[in-house]
Amino acid sequence: MAIKTRLTRRNVLKATTLLMPAAFAISGCATMQREPKPTVRSDDPVARAVLYYPNSNNVPTNHPLAATHQPSQTCATCVHVRGKAGDYLRKCPTFPGRLINAEGWCSLWAKS
């Protein structure tokens, strides 16, 4: 005697509801922790292209890309930088997947 079950939306939702916690437990997603994002270094090719310096006090004044640099210009005051005020490391769309120093500077700096 075979039991026939119909494939209905209700049965699919029941199965999904019952199997999702098991799938997360098996895959380890339930306890997975995020790894910290790497920071941008001065020797990075993109950093060199935009003249990024982790400390704005180290920006060379004789470089053509740094001709307009002022000491008050830091990544913390740049319109491009994302993150909470006071955070030492923040996100910048120029360096996706990496963090920049809030005290840094690059030639793409724009007043926020």
N, C-alpha and C. Protein backbone atom coordinates (compact mmCIF):
# COMPACT_ATOMS: atom_id res chain seq x y z
N MET A 1 0.83 -1.16 0.00
CA MET A 1 0.00 0.00 0.00
C MET A 1 0.89 1.25 0.00
N ALA A 2 0.88 1.99 -1.05
CA ALA A 2 1.72 3.17 -1.21
C ALA A 2 0.94 4.41 -0.82
N ILE A 3 1.65 5.32 -0.16
CA ILE A 3 1.03 6.59 0.23
C ILE A 3 1.42 7.62 -0.81
N LYS A 4 0.43 8.24 -1.39
CA LYS A 4 0.70 9.26 -2.40
C LYS A 4 0.52 10.64 -1.76
N THR A 5 1.50 11.50 -1.96
CA THR A 5 1.38 12.88 -1.48
C THR A 5 1.42 13.79 -2.69
N ARG A 6 0.58 14.78 -2.65
CA ARG A 6 0.54 15.73 -3.74
C ARG A 6 1.54 16.85 -3.49
N LEU A 7 2.14 17.32 -4.53
CA LEU A 7 3.07 18.43 -4.44
C LEU A 7 2.26 19.72 -4.49
N THR A 8 1.99 20.26 -3.31
CA THR A 8 1.22 21.50 -3.23
C THR A 8 2.09 22.58 -2.61
N ARG A 9 1.67 23.79 -2.74
CA ARG A 9 2.40 24.90 -2.15
C ARG A 9 2.51 24.74 -0.64
N ARG A 10 1.46 24.29 0.00
CA ARG A 10 1.45 24.09 1.44
C ARG A 10 2.49 23.05 1.86
N ASN A 11 2.56 21.93 1.12
CA ASN A 11 3.54 20.90 1.45
C ASN A 11 4.97 21.39 1.24
N VAL A 12 5.20 22.17 0.20
CA VAL A 12 6.53 22.72 -0.05
C VAL A 12 6.92 23.67 1.07
N LEU A 13 6.01 24.54 1.50
CA LEU A 13 6.31 25.46 2.59
C LEU A 13 6.57 24.72 3.90
N LYS A 14 5.84 23.67 4.17
CA LYS A 14 6.07 22.87 5.38
C LYS A 14 7.47 22.26 5.35
N ALA A 15 7.82 21.67 4.23
CA ALA A 15 9.12 21.02 4.11
C ALA A 15 10.25 22.05 4.24
N THR A 16 10.07 23.20 3.62
CA THR A 16 11.08 24.25 3.70
C THR A 16 11.24 24.74 5.13
N THR A 17 10.15 24.94 5.82
CA THR A 17 10.19 25.41 7.20
C THR A 17 10.89 24.41 8.10
N LEU A 18 10.67 23.15 7.86
CA LEU A 18 11.28 22.12 8.69
C LEU A 18 12.75 21.89 8.35
N LEU A 19 13.13 22.06 7.10
CA LEU A 19 14.48 21.73 6.69
C LEU A 19 15.47 22.89 6.77
N MET A 20 15.01 24.14 6.80
CA MET A 20 15.92 25.28 6.82
C MET A 20 16.83 25.29 8.04
N PRO A 21 16.33 25.11 9.26
CA PRO A 21 17.25 25.11 10.41
C PRO A 21 18.32 24.02 10.29
N ALA A 22 17.95 22.87 9.79
CA ALA A 22 18.92 21.79 9.62
C ALA A 22 19.97 22.17 8.58
N ALA A 23 19.56 22.82 7.52
CA ALA A 23 20.50 23.23 6.48
C ALA A 23 21.50 24.25 7.03
N PHE A 24 21.03 25.19 7.83
CA PHE A 24 21.94 26.16 8.43
C PHE A 24 22.90 25.51 9.41
N ALA A 25 22.41 24.58 10.20
CA ALA A 25 23.27 23.90 11.17
C ALA A 25 24.34 23.08 10.46
N ILE A 26 23.98 22.41 9.40
CA ILE A 26 24.94 21.59 8.67
C ILE A 26 25.99 22.45 7.98
N SER A 27 25.57 23.53 7.38
CA SER A 27 26.50 24.37 6.63
C SER A 27 27.35 25.26 7.53
N GLY A 28 26.95 25.42 8.78
CA GLY A 28 27.71 26.26 9.70
C GLY A 28 27.37 27.72 9.59
N CYS A 29 26.36 28.08 8.80
CA CYS A 29 25.99 29.49 8.63
C CYS A 29 25.43 30.09 9.91
N ALA A 30 24.83 29.28 10.74
CA ALA A 30 24.21 29.79 11.95
C ALA A 30 25.24 30.33 12.94
N THR A 31 26.46 29.76 12.92
CA THR A 31 27.48 30.19 13.88
C THR A 31 28.65 30.90 13.21
N MET A 32 28.54 31.16 11.91
CA MET A 32 29.64 31.76 11.19
C MET A 32 29.83 33.22 11.62
N GLN A 33 31.09 33.60 11.85
CA GLN A 33 31.38 34.97 12.22
C GLN A 33 32.10 35.65 11.07
N ARG A 34 31.90 36.95 10.96
CA ARG A 34 32.54 37.71 9.89
C ARG A 34 34.00 37.94 10.22
N GLU A 35 34.82 37.82 9.20
CA GLU A 35 36.23 38.14 9.36
C GLU A 35 36.39 39.64 9.16
N PRO A 36 37.32 40.25 9.88
CA PRO A 36 37.51 41.69 9.69
C PRO A 36 38.03 41.98 8.29
N LYS A 37 37.58 43.11 7.75
CA LYS A 37 38.01 43.50 6.41
C LYS A 37 39.44 44.01 6.48
N PRO A 38 40.22 43.75 5.44
CA PRO A 38 41.59 44.26 5.43
C PRO A 38 41.61 45.77 5.22
N THR A 39 42.68 46.38 5.66
CA THR A 39 42.83 47.83 5.46
C THR A 39 43.63 48.08 4.19
N VAL A 40 43.47 49.26 3.64
CA VAL A 40 44.19 49.65 2.43
C VAL A 40 45.60 50.08 2.83
N ARG A 41 46.56 49.56 2.11
CA ARG A 41 47.95 49.92 2.37
C ARG A 41 48.44 50.90 1.31
N SER A 42 49.46 51.64 1.62
CA SER A 42 49.99 52.65 0.69
C SER A 42 50.56 52.04 -0.58
N ASP A 43 51.01 50.78 -0.51
CA ASP A 43 51.63 50.16 -1.69
C ASP A 43 50.60 49.48 -2.60
N ASP A 44 49.32 49.59 -2.26
CA ASP A 44 48.25 49.03 -3.09
C ASP A 44 48.21 49.80 -4.42
N PRO A 45 48.00 49.10 -5.56
CA PRO A 45 47.97 49.80 -6.86
C PRO A 45 46.91 50.89 -6.96
N VAL A 46 45.73 50.65 -6.41
CA VAL A 46 44.68 51.68 -6.45
C VAL A 46 45.08 52.85 -5.55
N ALA A 47 45.65 52.54 -4.40
CA ALA A 47 46.09 53.59 -3.48
C ALA A 47 47.16 54.46 -4.12
N ARG A 48 48.05 53.85 -4.86
CA ARG A 48 49.08 54.63 -5.56
C ARG A 48 48.47 55.51 -6.64
N ALA A 49 47.47 54.98 -7.34
CA ALA A 49 46.85 55.75 -8.42
C ALA A 49 46.14 56.99 -7.92
N VAL A 50 45.54 56.91 -6.73
CA VAL A 50 44.81 58.07 -6.19
C VAL A 50 45.60 58.78 -5.10
N LEU A 51 46.87 58.42 -4.94
CA LEU A 51 47.77 59.03 -3.96
C LEU A 51 47.20 58.94 -2.54
N TYR A 52 46.77 57.73 -2.14
CA TYR A 52 46.21 57.52 -0.79
C TYR A 52 47.34 57.41 0.22
N TYR A 53 47.20 58.13 1.31
CA TYR A 53 48.11 58.04 2.44
C TYR A 53 47.29 57.79 3.70
N PRO A 54 47.65 56.78 4.51
CA PRO A 54 46.89 56.49 5.73
C PRO A 54 46.92 57.62 6.75
N ASN A 55 47.92 58.49 6.66
CA ASN A 55 48.01 59.64 7.55
C ASN A 55 48.16 60.88 6.67
N SER A 56 47.23 61.80 6.80
CA SER A 56 47.25 62.98 5.91
C SER A 56 48.45 63.89 6.16
N ASN A 57 49.14 63.72 7.28
CA ASN A 57 50.34 64.53 7.55
C ASN A 57 51.51 64.09 6.68
N ASN A 58 51.44 62.90 6.09
CA ASN A 58 52.54 62.38 5.28
C ASN A 58 52.38 62.65 3.79
N VAL A 59 51.37 63.38 3.39
CA VAL A 59 51.13 63.67 1.97
C VAL A 59 52.23 64.59 1.46
N PRO A 60 52.92 64.20 0.37
CA PRO A 60 53.98 65.06 -0.17
C PRO A 60 53.40 66.31 -0.82
N THR A 61 53.94 67.44 -0.48
CA THR A 61 53.42 68.70 -1.00
C THR A 61 53.88 68.98 -2.42
N ASN A 62 54.94 68.30 -2.87
CA ASN A 62 55.47 68.56 -4.21
C ASN A 62 54.84 67.69 -5.29
N HIS A 63 53.91 66.81 -4.94
CA HIS A 63 53.26 65.94 -5.91
C HIS A 63 52.11 66.71 -6.58
N PRO A 64 51.95 66.59 -7.91
CA PRO A 64 50.89 67.33 -8.61
C PRO A 64 49.48 67.00 -8.13
N LEU A 65 49.23 65.74 -7.76
CA LEU A 65 47.89 65.37 -7.28
C LEU A 65 47.59 65.93 -5.89
N ALA A 66 48.63 66.33 -5.17
CA ALA A 66 48.44 66.85 -3.81
C ALA A 66 48.57 68.36 -3.74
N ALA A 67 48.48 69.02 -4.87
CA ALA A 67 48.66 70.48 -4.90
C ALA A 67 47.61 71.22 -4.07
N THR A 68 46.41 70.68 -3.97
CA THR A 68 45.34 71.36 -3.23
C THR A 68 45.17 70.83 -1.81
N HIS A 69 46.05 69.92 -1.38
CA HIS A 69 45.90 69.31 -0.06
C HIS A 69 46.07 70.32 1.07
N GLN A 70 45.16 70.27 2.03
CA GLN A 70 45.22 71.09 3.24
C GLN A 70 45.28 70.15 4.44
N PRO A 71 45.91 70.55 5.54
CA PRO A 71 45.99 69.68 6.72
C PRO A 71 44.63 69.27 7.29
N SER A 72 43.61 70.09 7.10
CA SER A 72 42.28 69.77 7.64
C SER A 72 41.54 68.73 6.80
N GLN A 73 42.06 68.41 5.63
CA GLN A 73 41.41 67.45 4.75
C GLN A 73 41.84 66.03 5.14
N THR A 74 40.88 65.26 5.66
CA THR A 74 41.13 63.87 6.00
C THR A 74 39.97 63.03 5.46
N CYS A 75 40.16 61.73 5.45
CA CYS A 75 39.09 60.84 4.99
C CYS A 75 37.84 61.00 5.85
N ALA A 76 38.00 61.35 7.10
CA ALA A 76 36.86 61.53 8.00
C ALA A 76 35.97 62.68 7.55
N THR A 77 36.52 63.65 6.81
CA THR A 77 35.74 64.79 6.35
C THR A 77 35.41 64.71 4.86
N CYS A 78 35.63 63.56 4.26
CA CYS A 78 35.38 63.37 2.83
C CYS A 78 33.95 62.91 2.58
N VAL A 79 33.35 63.37 1.50
CA VAL A 79 31.98 63.02 1.15
C VAL A 79 31.85 61.54 0.75
N HIS A 80 32.90 60.94 0.26
CA HIS A 80 32.84 59.56 -0.22
C HIS A 80 32.85 58.52 0.91
N VAL A 81 33.42 58.86 2.02
CA VAL A 81 33.64 57.89 3.11
C VAL A 81 32.33 57.59 3.84
N ARG A 82 32.13 56.32 4.16
CA ARG A 82 30.93 55.85 4.87
C ARG A 82 31.34 55.31 6.23
N GLY A 83 30.49 55.47 7.20
CA GLY A 83 30.74 54.94 8.54
C GLY A 83 30.33 55.93 9.60
N LYS A 84 30.43 55.49 10.83
CA LYS A 84 30.04 56.34 11.96
C LYS A 84 31.16 57.31 12.30
N ALA A 85 30.78 58.52 12.68
CA ALA A 85 31.75 59.51 13.12
C ALA A 85 32.48 58.97 14.34
N GLY A 86 33.77 59.09 14.34
CA GLY A 86 34.57 58.61 15.45
C GLY A 86 35.21 57.25 15.18
N ASP A 87 34.73 56.52 14.18
CA ASP A 87 35.35 55.23 13.84
C ASP A 87 36.72 55.49 13.22
N TYR A 88 37.71 54.72 13.65
CA TYR A 88 39.07 54.88 13.13
C TYR A 88 39.19 54.34 11.72
N LEU A 89 38.52 53.22 11.44
CA LEU A 89 38.52 52.61 10.10
C LEU A 89 37.13 52.72 9.51
N ARG A 90 37.05 53.09 8.23
CA ARG A 90 35.76 53.27 7.58
C ARG A 90 35.78 52.72 6.16
N LYS A 91 34.60 52.64 5.56
CA LYS A 91 34.46 52.17 4.18
C LYS A 91 34.58 53.34 3.21
N CYS A 92 35.13 53.03 2.04
CA CYS A 92 35.21 54.02 0.97
C CYS A 92 34.96 53.30 -0.35
N PRO A 93 34.07 53.83 -1.20
CA PRO A 93 33.77 53.15 -2.47
C PRO A 93 34.98 53.07 -3.42
N THR A 94 36.00 53.85 -3.20
CA THR A 94 37.20 53.77 -4.02
C THR A 94 37.93 52.45 -3.78
N PHE A 95 37.81 51.92 -2.57
CA PHE A 95 38.48 50.67 -2.18
C PHE A 95 37.43 49.66 -1.70
N PRO A 96 36.66 49.07 -2.60
CA PRO A 96 35.60 48.15 -2.18
C PRO A 96 36.16 46.92 -1.46
N GLY A 97 35.49 46.54 -0.37
CA GLY A 97 35.89 45.36 0.39
C GLY A 97 37.02 45.59 1.35
N ARG A 98 37.51 46.82 1.43
CA ARG A 98 38.61 47.14 2.34
C ARG A 98 38.26 48.41 3.12
N LEU A 99 38.99 48.64 4.18
CA LEU A 99 38.74 49.80 5.03
C LEU A 99 39.89 50.79 4.91
N ILE A 100 39.57 52.06 5.08
CA ILE A 100 40.58 53.11 5.03
C ILE A 100 40.69 53.76 6.41
N ASN A 101 41.80 54.41 6.63
CA ASN A 101 42.05 55.11 7.87
C ASN A 101 41.32 56.46 7.84
N ALA A 102 40.59 56.79 8.89
CA ALA A 102 39.85 58.05 8.94
C ALA A 102 40.77 59.26 8.91
N GLU A 103 42.03 59.07 9.31
CA GLU A 103 43.00 60.17 9.30
C GLU A 103 43.77 60.24 7.99
N GLY A 104 43.41 59.42 7.02
CA GLY A 104 44.11 59.37 5.75
C GLY A 104 43.65 60.46 4.80
N TRP A 105 44.21 60.42 3.59
CA TRP A 105 43.87 61.38 2.54
C TRP A 105 44.17 60.76 1.18
N CYS A 106 43.40 61.12 0.15
CA CYS A 106 43.71 60.74 -1.22
C CYS A 106 43.30 61.89 -2.13
N SER A 107 43.73 61.82 -3.36
CA SER A 107 43.48 62.92 -4.31
C SER A 107 42.01 63.03 -4.71
N LEU A 108 41.18 62.06 -4.35
CA LEU A 108 39.75 62.13 -4.65
C LEU A 108 38.96 62.82 -3.53
N TRP A 109 39.64 63.36 -2.55
CA TRP A 109 38.98 63.99 -1.41
C TRP A 109 38.04 65.10 -1.89
N ALA A 110 36.83 65.10 -1.33
CA ALA A 110 35.84 66.15 -1.61
C ALA A 110 35.14 66.50 -0.31
N LYS A 111 34.91 67.77 -0.08
CA LYS A 111 34.30 68.23 1.15
C LYS A 111 32.90 67.64 1.34
N SER A 112 32.64 67.15 2.55
CA SER A 112 31.30 66.57 2.82
C SER A 112 30.33 67.63 3.29
